[in-house]
PDB file of all heavy atoms in Angstrom:
ATOM      1  N   SER A   1       0.830  -1.203   0.000  1.00  0.00           N
ATOM      2  CA  SER A   1       0.000   0.000   0.000  1.00  0.00           C
ATOM      3  C   SER A   1       0.864   1.252   0.000  1.00  0.00           C
ATOM      4  O   SER A   1       2.033   1.235   0.404  1.00  0.00           O
ATOM      5  CB  SER A   1      -0.947   0.021   1.210  1.00  0.00           C
ATOM      6  OG  SER A   1      -0.213   0.104   2.419  1.00  0.00           O
ATOM      7  N   LEU A   2       0.244   2.338  -0.448  1.00  0.00           N
ATOM      8  CA  LEU A   2       0.888   3.646  -0.493  1.00  0.00           C
ATOM      9  C   LEU A   2       0.011   4.659   0.221  1.00  0.00           C
ATOM     10  O   LEU A   2      -1.203   4.468   0.364  1.00  0.00           O
ATOM     11  CB  LEU A   2       1.063   4.104  -1.948  1.00  0.00           C
ATOM     12  CG  LEU A   2       1.744   3.172  -2.935  1.00  0.00           C
ATOM     13  CD1 LEU A   2       1.691   3.776  -4.342  1.00  0.00           C
ATOM     14  CD2 LEU A   2       3.184   2.893  -2.530  1.00  0.00           C
ATOM     15  N   SER A   3       0.609   5.759   0.645  1.00  0.00           N
ATOM     16  CA  SER A   3      -0.180   6.878   1.141  1.00  0.00           C
ATOM     17  C   SER A   3      -0.927   7.512  -0.031  1.00  0.00           C
ATOM     18  O   SER A   3      -0.654   7.209  -1.202  1.00  0.00           O
ATOM     19  CB  SER A   3       0.735   7.918   1.791  1.00  0.00           C
ATOM     20  OG  SER A   3       1.536   8.551   0.792  1.00  0.00           O
ATOM     21  N   ALA A   4      -1.845   8.390   0.270  1.00  0.00           N
ATOM     22  CA  ALA A   4      -2.580   9.083  -0.786  1.00  0.00           C
ATOM     23  C   ALA A   4      -1.645   9.840  -1.712  1.00  0.00           C
ATOM     24  O   ALA A   4      -1.931  10.019  -2.899  1.00  0.00           O
ATOM     25  CB  ALA A   4      -3.601  10.032  -0.165  1.00  0.00           C
ATOM     26  N   GLU A   5      -0.488  10.251  -1.169  1.00  0.00           N
ATOM     27  CA  GLU A   5       0.489  11.014  -1.958  1.00  0.00           C
ATOM     28  C   GLU A   5       1.429  10.120  -2.750  1.00  0.00           C
ATOM     29  O   GLU A   5       2.259  10.617  -3.518  1.00  0.00           O
ATOM     30  CB  GLU A   5       1.304  11.931  -1.042  1.00  0.00           C
ATOM     31  CG  GLU A   5       0.508  13.010  -0.342  1.00  0.00           C
ATOM     32  CD  GLU A   5      -0.359  12.488   0.801  1.00  0.00           C
ATOM     33  OE1 GLU A   5       0.016  11.453   1.398  1.00  0.00           O
ATOM     34  OE2 GLU A   5      -1.409  13.102   1.098  1.00  0.00           O
ATOM     35  N   GLY A   6       1.327   8.794  -2.555  1.00  0.00           N
ATOM     36  CA  GLY A   6       2.148   7.873  -3.319  1.00  0.00           C
ATOM     37  C   GLY A   6       3.409   7.413  -2.625  1.00  0.00           C
ATOM     38  O   GLY A   6       4.273   6.785  -3.256  1.00  0.00           O
ATOM     39  N   GLU A   7       3.525   7.668  -1.324  1.00  0.00           N
ATOM     40  CA  GLU A   7       4.696   7.203  -0.568  1.00  0.00           C
ATOM     41  C   GLU A   7       4.430   5.803  -0.014  1.00  0.00           C
ATOM     42  O   GLU A   7       3.296   5.502   0.389  1.00  0.00           O
ATOM     43  CB  GLU A   7       5.007   8.158   0.589  1.00  0.00           C
ATOM     44  CG  GLU A   7       5.416   9.557   0.144  1.00  0.00           C
ATOM     45  CD  GLU A   7       6.692   9.550  -0.661  1.00  0.00           C
ATOM     46  OE1 GLU A   7       7.594   8.741  -0.341  1.00  0.00           O
ATOM     47  OE2 GLU A   7       6.796  10.340  -1.617  1.00  0.00           O
ATOM     48  N   PRO A   8       5.451   4.922   0.019  1.00  0.00           N
ATOM     49  CA  PRO A   8       5.233   3.574   0.555  1.00  0.00           C
ATOM     50  C   PRO A   8       4.679   3.615   1.973  1.00  0.00           C
ATOM     51  O   PRO A   8       5.222   4.297   2.838  1.00  0.00           O
ATOM     52  CB  PRO A   8       6.638   2.955   0.514  1.00  0.00           C
ATOM     53  CG  PRO A   8       7.334   3.700  -0.576  1.00  0.00           C
ATOM     54  CD  PRO A   8       6.815   5.106  -0.502  1.00  0.00           C
ATOM     55  N   LEU A   9       3.601   2.888   2.184  1.00  0.00           N
ATOM     56  CA  LEU A   9       2.948   2.845   3.489  1.00  0.00           C
ATOM     57  C   LEU A   9       3.197   1.486   4.135  1.00  0.00           C
ATOM     58  O   LEU A   9       3.680   1.395   5.256  1.00  0.00           O
ATOM     59  CB  LEU A   9       1.452   3.100   3.310  1.00  0.00           C
ATOM     60  CG  LEU A   9       0.637   3.478   4.542  1.00  0.00           C
ATOM     61  CD1 LEU A   9       1.162   4.756   5.158  1.00  0.00           C
ATOM     62  CD2 LEU A   9      -0.844   3.638   4.162  1.00  0.00           C
ATOM     63  N   SER A  10       2.870   0.422   3.421  1.00  0.00           N
ATOM     64  CA  SER A  10       3.215  -0.933   3.853  1.00  0.00           C
ATOM     65  C   SER A  10       4.057  -1.561   2.752  1.00  0.00           C
ATOM     66  O   SER A  10       3.605  -1.688   1.611  1.00  0.00           O
ATOM     67  CB  SER A  10       1.963  -1.773   4.085  1.00  0.00           C
ATOM     68  OG  SER A  10       2.310  -3.137   4.312  1.00  0.00           O
ATOM     69  N   THR A  11       5.274  -1.941   3.106  1.00  0.00           N
ATOM     70  CA  THR A  11       6.199  -2.487   2.110  1.00  0.00           C
ATOM     71  C   THR A  11       6.211  -4.012   2.106  1.00  0.00           C
ATOM     72  O   THR A  11       7.048  -4.620   1.428  1.00  0.00           O
ATOM     73  CB  THR A  11       7.623  -1.965   2.355  1.00  0.00           C
ATOM     74  OG1 THR A  11       8.042  -2.359   3.677  1.00  0.00           O
ATOM     75  CG2 THR A  11       7.685  -0.447   2.240  1.00  0.00           C
ATOM     76  N   ARG A  12       5.289  -4.626   2.841  1.00  0.00           N
ATOM     77  CA  ARG A  12       5.236  -6.084   2.854  1.00  0.00           C
ATOM     78  C   ARG A  12       4.945  -6.595   1.448  1.00  0.00           C
ATOM     79  O   ARG A  12       4.300  -5.925   0.638  1.00  0.00           O
ATOM     80  CB  ARG A  12       4.183  -6.602   3.839  1.00  0.00           C
ATOM     81  CG  ARG A  12       2.769  -6.283   3.461  1.00  0.00           C
ATOM     82  CD  ARG A  12       1.787  -6.651   4.574  1.00  0.00           C
ATOM     83  NE  ARG A  12       1.498  -8.069   4.634  1.00  0.00           N
ATOM     84  CZ  ARG A  12       1.487  -8.775   5.761  1.00  0.00           C
ATOM     85  NH1 ARG A  12       1.775  -8.205   6.926  1.00  0.00           N
ATOM     86  NH2 ARG A  12       1.202 -10.061   5.742  1.00  0.00           N
ATOM     87  N   LYS A  13       5.427  -7.802   1.155  1.00  0.00           N
ATOM     88  CA  LYS A  13       5.204  -8.413  -0.145  1.00  0.00           C
ATOM     89  C   LYS A  13       4.182  -9.532   0.033  1.00  0.00           C
ATOM     90  O   LYS A  13       4.515 -10.633   0.492  1.00  0.00           O
ATOM     91  CB  LYS A  13       6.519  -8.961  -0.723  1.00  0.00           C
ATOM     92  CG  LYS A  13       7.615  -7.908  -0.875  1.00  0.00           C
ATOM     93  CD  LYS A  13       7.290  -6.887  -1.946  1.00  0.00           C
ATOM     94  CE  LYS A  13       8.224  -5.691  -1.900  1.00  0.00           C
ATOM     95  NZ  LYS A  13       9.645  -6.014  -2.087  1.00  0.00           N
ATOM     96  N   GLN A  14       2.953  -9.214  -0.290  1.00  0.00           N
ATOM     97  CA  GLN A  14       1.871 -10.196  -0.217  1.00  0.00           C
ATOM     98  C   GLN A  14       1.777 -10.876  -1.570  1.00  0.00           C
ATOM     99  O   GLN A  14       1.558 -10.216  -2.591  1.00  0.00           O
ATOM    100  CB  GLN A  14       0.551  -9.504   0.131  1.00  0.00           C
ATOM    101  CG  GLN A  14      -0.512 -10.411   0.677  1.00  0.00           C
ATOM    102  CD  GLN A  14      -0.352 -10.695   2.166  1.00  0.00           C
ATOM    103  OE1 GLN A  14       0.109  -9.838   2.919  1.00  0.00           O
ATOM    104  NE2 GLN A  14      -0.725 -11.897   2.590  1.00  0.00           N
ATOM    105  N   VAL A  15       1.943 -12.184  -1.605  1.00  0.00           N
ATOM    106  CA  VAL A  15       1.980 -12.895  -2.884  1.00  0.00           C
ATOM    107  C   VAL A  15       0.675 -12.710  -3.649  1.00  0.00           C
ATOM    108  O   VAL A  15       0.673 -12.643  -4.886  1.00  0.00           O
ATOM    109  CB  VAL A  15       2.308 -14.387  -2.657  1.00  0.00           C
ATOM    110  CG1 VAL A  15       2.164 -15.198  -3.938  1.00  0.00           C
ATOM    111  CG2 VAL A  15       3.736 -14.507  -2.115  1.00  0.00           C
ATOM    112  N   TYR A  16      -0.430 -12.594  -2.955  1.00  0.00           N
ATOM    113  CA  TYR A  16      -1.726 -12.304  -3.572  1.00  0.00           C
ATOM    114  C   TYR A  16      -1.630 -11.040  -4.429  1.00  0.00           C
ATOM    115  O   TYR A  16      -2.119 -11.006  -5.567  1.00  0.00           O
ATOM    116  CB  TYR A  16      -2.740 -12.141  -2.454  1.00  0.00           C
ATOM    117  CG  TYR A  16      -4.166 -11.868  -2.847  1.00  0.00           C
ATOM    118  CD1 TYR A  16      -5.098 -12.908  -2.891  1.00  0.00           C
ATOM    119  CD2 TYR A  16      -4.612 -10.580  -3.111  1.00  0.00           C
ATOM    120  CE1 TYR A  16      -6.436 -12.656  -3.204  1.00  0.00           C
ATOM    121  CE2 TYR A  16      -5.933 -10.325  -3.436  1.00  0.00           C
ATOM    122  CZ  TYR A  16      -6.842 -11.365  -3.480  1.00  0.00           C
ATOM    123  OH  TYR A  16      -8.152 -11.114  -3.794  1.00  0.00           O
ATOM    124  N   ALA A  17      -1.015  -9.992  -3.898  1.00  0.00           N
ATOM    125  CA  ALA A  17      -0.896  -8.737  -4.639  1.00  0.00           C
ATOM    126  C   ALA A  17       0.072  -8.870  -5.807  1.00  0.00           C
ATOM    127  O   ALA A  17      -0.161  -8.308  -6.884  1.00  0.00           O
ATOM    128  CB  ALA A  17      -0.441  -7.619  -3.705  1.00  0.00           C
ATOM    129  N   LEU A  18       1.160  -9.597  -5.615  1.00  0.00           N
ATOM    130  CA  LEU A  18       2.111  -9.810  -6.719  1.00  0.00           C
ATOM    131  C   LEU A  18       1.434 -10.570  -7.852  1.00  0.00           C
ATOM    132  O   LEU A  18       1.684 -10.300  -9.036  1.00  0.00           O
ATOM    133  CB  LEU A  18       3.335 -10.571  -6.235  1.00  0.00           C
ATOM    134  CG  LEU A  18       4.137  -9.962  -5.075  1.00  0.00           C
ATOM    135  CD1 LEU A  18       5.444 -10.731  -4.874  1.00  0.00           C
ATOM    136  CD2 LEU A  18       4.425  -8.488  -5.293  1.00  0.00           C
ATOM    137  N   ALA A  19       0.573 -11.516  -7.502  1.00  0.00           N
ATOM    138  CA  ALA A  19      -0.155 -12.271  -8.520  1.00  0.00           C
ATOM    139  C   ALA A  19      -1.065 -11.347  -9.323  1.00  0.00           C
ATOM    140  O   ALA A  19      -1.120 -11.434 -10.560  1.00  0.00           O
ATOM    141  CB  ALA A  19      -0.968 -13.385  -7.869  1.00  0.00           C
ATOM    142  N   PHE A  20      -1.765 -10.456  -8.645  1.00  0.00           N
ATOM    143  CA  PHE A  20      -2.634  -9.544  -9.383  1.00  0.00           C
ATOM    144  C   PHE A  20      -1.831  -8.571 -10.243  1.00  0.00           C
ATOM    145  O   PHE A  20      -2.294  -8.155 -11.319  1.00  0.00           O
ATOM    146  CB  PHE A  20      -3.579  -8.809  -8.441  1.00  0.00           C
ATOM    147  CG  PHE A  20      -4.869  -9.540  -8.257  1.00  0.00           C
ATOM    148  CD1 PHE A  20      -5.136 -10.224  -7.086  1.00  0.00           C
ATOM    149  CD2 PHE A  20      -5.805  -9.589  -9.280  1.00  0.00           C
ATOM    150  CE1 PHE A  20      -6.317 -10.930  -6.926  1.00  0.00           C
ATOM    151  CE2 PHE A  20      -6.992 -10.298  -9.133  1.00  0.00           C
ATOM    152  CZ  PHE A  20      -7.257 -10.969  -7.956  1.00  0.00           C
ATOM    153  N   ALA A  21      -0.641  -8.217  -9.790  1.00  0.00           N
ATOM    154  CA  ALA A  21       0.207  -7.372 -10.621  1.00  0.00           C
ATOM    155  C   ALA A  21       0.595  -8.113 -11.907  1.00  0.00           C
ATOM    156  O   ALA A  21       0.575  -7.534 -12.997  1.00  0.00           O
ATOM    157  CB  ALA A  21       1.445  -6.944  -9.845  1.00  0.00           C
ATOM    158  N   ILE A  22       0.930  -9.396 -11.791  1.00  0.00           N
ATOM    159  CA  ILE A  22       1.222 -10.198 -12.989  1.00  0.00           C
ATOM    160  C   ILE A  22      -0.008 -10.264 -13.888  1.00  0.00           C
ATOM    161  O   ILE A  22       0.083 -10.127 -15.113  1.00  0.00           O
ATOM    162  CB  ILE A  22       1.669 -11.623 -12.599  1.00  0.00           C
ATOM    163  CG1 ILE A  22       3.038 -11.590 -11.911  1.00  0.00           C
ATOM    164  CG2 ILE A  22       1.718 -12.537 -13.827  1.00  0.00           C
ATOM    165  CD1 ILE A  22       3.487 -12.929 -11.361  1.00  0.00           C
ATOM    166  N   TYR A  23      -1.161 -10.466 -13.294  1.00  0.00           N
ATOM    167  CA  TYR A  23      -2.408 -10.565 -14.054  1.00  0.00           C
ATOM    168  C   TYR A  23      -2.653  -9.275 -14.844  1.00  0.00           C
ATOM    169  O   TYR A  23      -2.976  -9.299 -16.036  1.00  0.00           O
ATOM    170  CB  TYR A  23      -3.551 -10.838 -13.080  1.00  0.00           C
ATOM    171  CG  TYR A  23      -4.841 -11.326 -13.702  1.00  0.00           C
ATOM    172  CD1 TYR A  23      -4.865 -12.377 -14.605  1.00  0.00           C
ATOM    173  CD2 TYR A  23      -6.053 -10.740 -13.354  1.00  0.00           C
ATOM    174  CE1 TYR A  23      -6.061 -12.838 -15.151  1.00  0.00           C
ATOM    175  CE2 TYR A  23      -7.252 -11.190 -13.894  1.00  0.00           C
ATOM    176  CZ  TYR A  23      -7.249 -12.238 -14.796  1.00  0.00           C
ATOM    177  OH  TYR A  23      -8.437 -12.688 -15.338  1.00  0.00           O
ATOM    178  N   GLY A  24      -2.495  -8.147 -14.169  1.00  0.00           N
ATOM    179  CA  GLY A  24      -2.719  -6.870 -14.830  1.00  0.00           C
ATOM    180  C   GLY A  24      -1.657  -6.539 -15.860  1.00  0.00           C
ATOM    181  O   GLY A  24      -1.973  -6.090 -16.971  1.00  0.00           O
ATOM    182  N   LEU A  25      -0.406  -6.767 -15.523  1.00  0.00           N
ATOM    183  CA  LEU A  25       0.692  -6.444 -16.443  1.00  0.00           C
ATOM    184  C   LEU A  25       0.670  -7.322 -17.687  1.00  0.00           C
ATOM    185  O   LEU A  25       0.917  -6.838 -18.800  1.00  0.00           O
ATOM    186  CB  LEU A  25       2.028  -6.595 -15.715  1.00  0.00           C
ATOM    187  CG  LEU A  25       2.352  -5.513 -14.671  1.00  0.00           C
ATOM    188  CD1 LEU A  25       3.492  -5.971 -13.775  1.00  0.00           C
ATOM    189  CD2 LEU A  25       2.692  -4.188 -15.343  1.00  0.00           C
ATOM    190  N   SER A  26       0.377  -8.605 -17.512  1.00  0.00           N
ATOM    191  CA  SER A  26       0.332  -9.496 -18.672  1.00  0.00           C
ATOM    192  C   SER A  26      -0.850  -9.150 -19.578  1.00  0.00           C
ATOM    193  O   SER A  26      -0.754  -9.252 -20.807  1.00  0.00           O
ATOM    194  CB  SER A  26       0.277 -10.963 -18.230  1.00  0.00           C
ATOM    195  OG  SER A  26      -0.842 -11.205 -17.380  1.00  0.00           O
ATOM    196  N   GLU A  27      -1.957  -8.708 -18.977  1.00  0.00           N
ATOM    197  CA  GLU A  27      -3.102  -8.279 -19.787  1.00  0.00           C
ATOM    198  C   GLU A  27      -2.779  -6.975 -20.529  1.00  0.00           C
ATOM    199  O   GLU A  27      -3.188  -6.796 -21.683  1.00  0.00           O
ATOM    200  CB  GLU A  27      -4.342  -8.103 -18.913  1.00  0.00           C
ATOM    201  CG  GLU A  27      -5.638  -7.930 -19.678  1.00  0.00           C
ATOM    202  CD  GLU A  27      -6.076  -9.170 -20.438  1.00  0.00           C
ATOM    203  OE1 GLU A  27      -5.565 -10.274 -20.148  1.00  0.00           O
ATOM    204  OE2 GLU A  27      -6.939  -9.028 -21.335  1.00  0.00           O
ATOM    205  N   PHE A  28      -2.053  -6.096 -19.863  1.00  0.00           N
ATOM    206  CA  PHE A  28      -1.629  -4.855 -20.516  1.00  0.00           C
ATOM    207  C   PHE A  28      -0.712  -5.168 -21.701  1.00  0.00           C
ATOM    208  O   PHE A  28      -0.815  -4.528 -22.761  1.00  0.00           O
ATOM    209  CB  PHE A  28      -0.914  -3.959 -19.510  1.00  0.00           C
ATOM    210  CG  PHE A  28      -0.537  -2.601 -20.037  1.00  0.00           C
ATOM    211  CD1 PHE A  28      -1.514  -1.674 -20.367  1.00  0.00           C
ATOM    212  CD2 PHE A  28       0.797  -2.251 -20.206  1.00  0.00           C
ATOM    213  CE1 PHE A  28      -1.173  -0.411 -20.853  1.00  0.00           C
ATOM    214  CE2 PHE A  28       1.150  -0.997 -20.690  1.00  0.00           C
ATOM    215  CZ  PHE A  28       0.162  -0.072 -21.014  1.00  0.00           C
ATOM    216  N   TYR A  29       0.147  -6.159 -21.535  1.00  0.00           N
ATOM    217  CA  TYR A  29       0.983  -6.570 -22.659  1.00  0.00           C
ATOM    218  C   TYR A  29       0.131  -7.139 -23.788  1.00  0.00           C
ATOM    219  O   TYR A  29       0.386  -6.864 -24.976  1.00  0.00           O
ATOM    220  CB  TYR A  29       2.024  -7.606 -22.215  1.00  0.00           C
ATOM    221  CG  TYR A  29       2.851  -8.118 -23.371  1.00  0.00           C
ATOM    222  CD1 TYR A  29       3.879  -7.347 -23.898  1.00  0.00           C
ATOM    223  CD2 TYR A  29       2.575  -9.347 -23.953  1.00  0.00           C
ATOM    224  CE1 TYR A  29       4.624  -7.798 -24.994  1.00  0.00           C
ATOM    225  CE2 TYR A  29       3.310  -9.809 -25.034  1.00  0.00           C
ATOM    226  CZ  TYR A  29       4.339  -9.027 -25.542  1.00  0.00           C
ATOM    227  OH  TYR A  29       5.055  -9.472 -26.625  1.00  0.00           O
ATOM    228  N   ARG A  30      -0.853  -7.935 -23.454  1.00  0.00           N
ATOM    229  CA  ARG A  30      -1.753  -8.474 -24.481  1.00  0.00           C
ATOM    230  C   ARG A  30      -2.427  -7.346 -25.264  1.00  0.00           C
ATOM    231  O   ARG A  30      -2.664  -7.460 -26.467  1.00  0.00           O
ATOM    232  CB  ARG A  30      -2.833  -9.355 -23.855  1.00  0.00           C
ATOM    233  CG  ARG A  30      -2.336 -10.642 -23.228  1.00  0.00           C
ATOM    234  CD  ARG A  30      -3.499 -11.450 -22.667  1.00  0.00           C
ATOM    235  NE  ARG A  30      -4.285 -12.076 -23.745  1.00  0.00           N
ATOM    236  CZ  ARG A  30      -5.481 -12.602 -23.578  1.00  0.00           C
ATOM    237  NH1 ARG A  30      -6.060 -12.563 -22.376  1.00  0.00           N
ATOM    238  NH2 ARG A  30      -6.110 -13.165 -24.581  1.00  0.00           N
ATOM    239  N   ALA A  31      -2.735  -6.253 -24.567  1.00  0.00           N
ATOM    240  CA  ALA A  31      -3.449  -5.142 -25.193  1.00  0.00           C
ATOM    241  C   ALA A  31      -2.535  -4.221 -25.983  1.00  0.00           C
ATOM    242  O   ALA A  31      -2.961  -3.641 -26.988  1.00  0.00           O
ATOM    243  CB  ALA A  31      -4.189  -4.340 -24.123  1.00  0.00           C
ATOM    244  N   THR A  32      -1.278  -4.077 -25.537  1.00  0.00           N
ATOM    245  CA  THR A  32      -0.416  -3.032 -26.096  1.00  0.00           C
ATOM    246  C   THR A  32       0.902  -3.532 -26.660  1.00  0.00           C
ATOM    247  O   THR A  32       1.592  -2.783 -27.350  1.00  0.00           O
ATOM    248  CB  THR A  32      -0.083  -1.997 -25.012  1.00  0.00           C
ATOM    249  OG1 THR A  32       0.710  -2.636 -23.976  1.00  0.00           O
ATOM    250  CG2 THR A  32      -1.349  -1.399 -24.403  1.00  0.00           C
ATOM    251  N   HIS A  33       1.297  -4.768 -26.326  1.00  0.00           N
ATOM    252  CA  HIS A  33       2.616  -5.312 -26.684  1.00  0.00           C
ATOM    253  C   HIS A  33       3.755  -4.469 -26.115  1.00  0.00           C
ATOM    254  O   HIS A  33       4.829  -4.377 -26.722  1.00  0.00           O
ATOM    255  CB  HIS A  33       2.752  -5.468 -28.203  1.00  0.00           C
ATOM    256  CG  HIS A  33       1.710  -6.362 -28.795  1.00  0.00           C
ATOM    257  ND1 HIS A  33       1.669  -7.717 -28.560  1.00  0.00           N
ATOM    258  CD2 HIS A  33       0.635  -6.073 -29.581  1.00  0.00           C
ATOM    259  CE1 HIS A  33       0.633  -8.245 -29.198  1.00  0.00           C
ATOM    260  NE2 HIS A  33      -0.020  -7.273 -29.817  1.00  0.00           N
ATOM    261  N   ASN A  34       3.502  -3.891 -24.945  1.00  0.00           N
ATOM    262  CA  ASN A  34       4.519  -3.125 -24.239  1.00  0.00           C
ATOM    263  C   ASN A  34       5.522  -4.106 -23.621  1.00  0.00           C
ATOM    264  O   ASN A  34       5.194  -4.852 -22.689  1.00  0.00           O
ATOM    265  CB  ASN A  34       3.855  -2.268 -23.153  1.00  0.00           C
ATOM    266  CG  ASN A  34       4.829  -1.401 -22.390  1.00  0.00           C
ATOM    267  OD1 ASN A  34       5.842  -1.869 -21.902  1.00  0.00           O
ATOM    268  ND2 ASN A  34       4.496  -0.119 -22.293  1.00  0.00           N
ATOM    269  N   GLU A  35       6.738  -4.110 -24.140  1.00  0.00           N
ATOM    270  CA  GLU A  35       7.744  -5.085 -23.715  1.00  0.00           C
ATOM    271  C   GLU A  35       8.164  -4.888 -22.261  1.00  0.00           C
ATOM    272  O   GLU A  35       8.509  -5.846 -21.567  1.00  0.00           O
ATOM    273  CB  GLU A  35       8.966  -5.018 -24.632  1.00  0.00           C
ATOM    274  CG  GLU A  35       8.705  -5.483 -26.059  1.00  0.00           C
ATOM    275  CD  GLU A  35       8.440  -6.981 -26.144  1.00  0.00           C
ATOM    276  OE1 GLU A  35       8.823  -7.714 -25.213  1.00  0.00           O
ATOM    277  OE2 GLU A  35       7.821  -7.411 -27.149  1.00  0.00           O
ATOM    278  N   GLU A  36       8.147  -3.658 -21.786  1.00  0.00           N
ATOM    279  CA  GLU A  36       8.505  -3.412 -20.381  1.00  0.00           C
ATOM    280  C   GLU A  36       7.485  -4.054 -19.443  1.00  0.00           C
ATOM    281  O   GLU A  36       7.849  -4.556 -18.372  1.00  0.00           O
ATOM    282  CB  GLU A  36       8.605  -1.916 -20.119  1.00  0.00           C
ATOM    283  CG  GLU A  36       9.812  -1.256 -20.793  1.00  0.00           C
ATOM    284  CD  GLU A  36       9.913   0.215 -20.451  1.00  0.00           C
ATOM    285  OE1 GLU A  36       9.012   0.737 -19.759  1.00  0.00           O
ATOM    286  OE2 GLU A  36      10.895   0.846 -20.886  1.00  0.00           O
ATOM    287  N   ALA A  37       6.221  -4.037 -19.835  1.00  0.00           N
ATOM    288  CA  ALA A  37       5.181  -4.672 -19.020  1.00  0.00           C
ATOM    289  C   ALA A  37       5.400  -6.180 -18.962  1.00  0.00           C
ATOM    290  O   ALA A  37       5.253  -6.806 -17.907  1.00  0.00           O
ATOM    291  CB  ALA A  37       3.795  -4.352 -19.575  1.00  0.00           C
ATOM    292  N   LEU A  38       5.757  -6.773 -20.094  1.00  0.00           N
ATOM    293  CA  LEU A  38       6.052  -8.208 -20.105  1.00  0.00           C
ATOM    294  C   LEU A  38       7.264  -8.501 -19.232  1.00  0.00           C
ATOM    295  O   LEU A  38       7.258  -9.466 -18.445  1.00  0.00           O
ATOM    296  CB  LEU A  38       6.300  -8.690 -21.531  1.00  0.00           C
ATOM    297  CG  LEU A  38       6.671 -10.165 -21.680  1.00  0.00           C
ATOM    298  CD1 LEU A  38       5.564 -11.069 -21.129  1.00  0.00           C
ATOM    299  CD2 LEU A  38       6.956 -10.502 -23.146  1.00  0.00           C
ATOM    300  N   GLY A  39       8.285  -7.665 -19.337  1.00  0.00           N
ATOM    301  CA  GLY A  39       9.473  -7.863 -18.506  1.00  0.00           C
ATOM    302  C   GLY A  39       9.161  -7.766 -17.023  1.00  0.00           C
ATOM    303  O   GLY A  39       9.690  -8.540 -16.210  1.00  0.00           O
ATOM    304  N   ALA A  40       8.308  -6.819 -16.652  1.00  0.00           N
ATOM    305  CA  ALA A  40       7.920  -6.686 -15.244  1.00  0.00           C
ATOM    306  C   ALA A  40       7.146  -7.919 -14.782  1.00  0.00           C
ATOM    307  O   ALA A  40       7.344  -8.400 -13.652  1.00  0.00           O
ATOM    308  CB  ALA A  40       7.074  -5.427 -15.059  1.00  0.00           C
ATOM    309  N   SER A  41       6.276  -8.457 -15.636  1.00  0.00           N
ATOM    310  CA  SER A  41       5.543  -9.687 -15.307  1.00  0.00           C
ATOM    311  C   SER A  41       6.513 -10.829 -15.055  1.00  0.00           C
ATOM    312  O   SER A  41       6.354 -11.608 -14.096  1.00  0.00           O
ATOM    313  CB  SER A  41       4.601 -10.068 -16.458  1.00  0.00           C
ATOM    314  OG  SER A  41       3.656  -9.085 -16.721  1.00  0.00           O
ATOM    315  N   GLN A  42       7.502 -10.945 -15.906  1.00  0.00           N
ATOM    316  CA  GLN A  42       8.497 -12.013 -15.763  1.00  0.00           C
ATOM    317  C   GLN A  42       9.305 -11.854 -14.482  1.00  0.00           C
ATOM    318  O   GLN A  42       9.577 -12.840 -13.782  1.00  0.00           O
ATOM    319  CB  GLN A  42       9.414 -12.013 -16.986  1.00  0.00           C
ATOM    320  CG  GLN A  42       8.704 -12.387 -18.274  1.00  0.00           C
ATOM    321  CD  GLN A  42       9.490 -12.021 -19.512  1.00  0.00           C
ATOM    322  OE1 GLN A  42      10.377 -11.166 -19.485  1.00  0.00           O
ATOM    323  NE2 GLN A  42       9.167 -12.656 -20.633  1.00  0.00           N
TER     324      GLN A  42
END
């Protein structure tokens, strides 16, 4: 989580959240072929 201003609030790594980041980033790659998004998913 982040503060409203975008500063790290909780820096814990919850695997549930990392999974959703992969889900979103891989879908963004499917939509745009943005190679950086694919790299971040990997």
